[in-house]
Amino acid sequence: MAMNPAEIESMIKAAIPDAQVNIEDLRGDGDHYAAYVISAAFKGKTRVQQHQMVYQALRGRMGNELHALALQTSSPPEA
């Protein structure tokens, strides 16, 4: 069973409340997505740590309902 983009976005925002999330369906099949996530919570963390935070937010759905996720994370630019 595939996940819809709104569900992915909701799960990420629930775990990372200030996150700006943009989800793109790469193939139109509901299985292959790109996620762009910006959050102040990522500041000072390595890219691997940032990605781990997002994967934790998806609570084990990666590799099951969600087959592939191309992930790009960053902290917001300094003002």
Protein backbone atom coordinates (compact mmCIF):
# COMPACT_ATOMS: atom_id res chain seq x y z
CA MET A 1 0.00 0.00 0.00
CA ALA A 2 1.48 3.33 -1.08
CA MET A 3 1.60 6.50 1.02
CA ASN A 4 0.20 9.79 -0.18
CA PRO A 5 2.26 13.01 -0.06
CA ALA A 6 0.03 14.65 2.55
CA GLU A 7 0.58 11.75 4.94
CA ILE A 8 4.36 11.95 4.52
CA GLU A 9 4.31 15.71 5.09
CA SER A 10 2.07 15.34 8.15
CA MET A 11 4.35 12.74 9.76
CA ILE A 12 7.45 14.89 9.22
CA LYS A 13 5.74 18.01 10.61
CA ALA A 14 4.47 16.09 13.63
CA ALA A 15 8.04 15.13 14.55
CA ILE A 16 9.73 18.36 13.39
CA PRO A 17 7.09 21.07 14.03
CA ASP A 18 8.91 24.00 12.39
CA ALA A 19 9.71 22.03 9.23
CA GLN A 20 8.97 23.43 5.81
CA VAL A 21 8.18 20.34 3.75
CA ASN A 22 7.73 19.91 0.03
CA ILE A 23 6.92 16.44 -1.31
CA GLU A 24 7.18 15.55 -5.00
CA ASP A 25 5.86 12.29 -6.51
CA LEU A 26 8.71 11.33 -8.85
CA ARG A 27 6.94 8.65 -10.89
CA GLY A 28 3.26 9.18 -10.24
CA ASP A 29 3.07 5.75 -8.62
CA GLY A 30 2.79 6.77 -4.95
CA ASP A 31 5.96 4.81 -4.16
CA HIS A 32 8.81 7.09 -5.27
CA TYR A 33 8.99 10.53 -3.71
CA ALA A 34 11.42 13.40 -3.26
CA ALA A 35 11.19 15.30 0.02
CA TYR A 36 12.69 18.72 0.63
CA VAL A 37 12.78 19.56 4.32
CA ILE A 38 14.02 22.79 5.92
CA SER A 39 14.14 23.11 9.70
CA ALA A 40 16.03 25.07 12.34
CA ALA A 41 16.28 21.73 14.19
CA PHE A 42 18.86 20.68 11.61
CA LYS A 43 21.27 23.48 12.53
CA GLY A 44 24.64 22.09 13.65
CA LYS A 45 23.75 18.55 12.60
CA THR A 46 25.44 16.57 9.85
CA ARG A 47 23.48 15.67 6.74
CA VAL A 48 23.30 12.07 7.99
CA GLN A 49 21.85 13.22 11.33
CA GLN A 50 19.31 15.40 9.51
CA HIS A 51 18.21 12.48 7.34
CA GLN A 52 17.98 10.22 10.40
CA MET A 53 15.59 12.73 11.99
CA VAL A 54 13.31 12.57 8.94
CA TYR A 55 13.46 8.77 8.75
CA GLN A 56 12.58 8.55 12.45
CA ALA A 57 9.59 10.80 11.77
CA LEU A 58 8.35 8.26 9.21
CA ARG A 59 8.18 5.62 11.99
CA GLY A 60 9.31 2.55 10.09
CA ARG A 61 7.34 3.23 6.92
CA MET A 62 10.53 3.57 4.81
CA GLY A 63 11.01 0.37 2.85
CA ASN A 64 7.43 -0.73 3.53
CA GLU A 65 4.61 1.59 2.44
CA LEU A 66 7.19 4.10 1.25
CA HIS A 67 9.48 2.40 -1.23
CA ALA A 68 11.88 5.23 -2.17
CA LEU A 69 12.50 8.73 -0.81
CA ALA A 70 15.07 11.09 -2.31
CA LEU A 71 15.75 13.35 0.64
CA GLN A 72 17.21 16.85 0.74
CA THR A 73 17.49 18.59 4.09
CA SER A 74 18.85 21.93 5.27
CA SER A 75 18.52 24.52 7.99
CA PRO A 76 17.01 27.89 7.08
CA PRO A 77 19.42 30.57 5.85
CA GLU A 78 20.72 33.00 8.45
CA ALA A 79 18.94 36.36 8.40
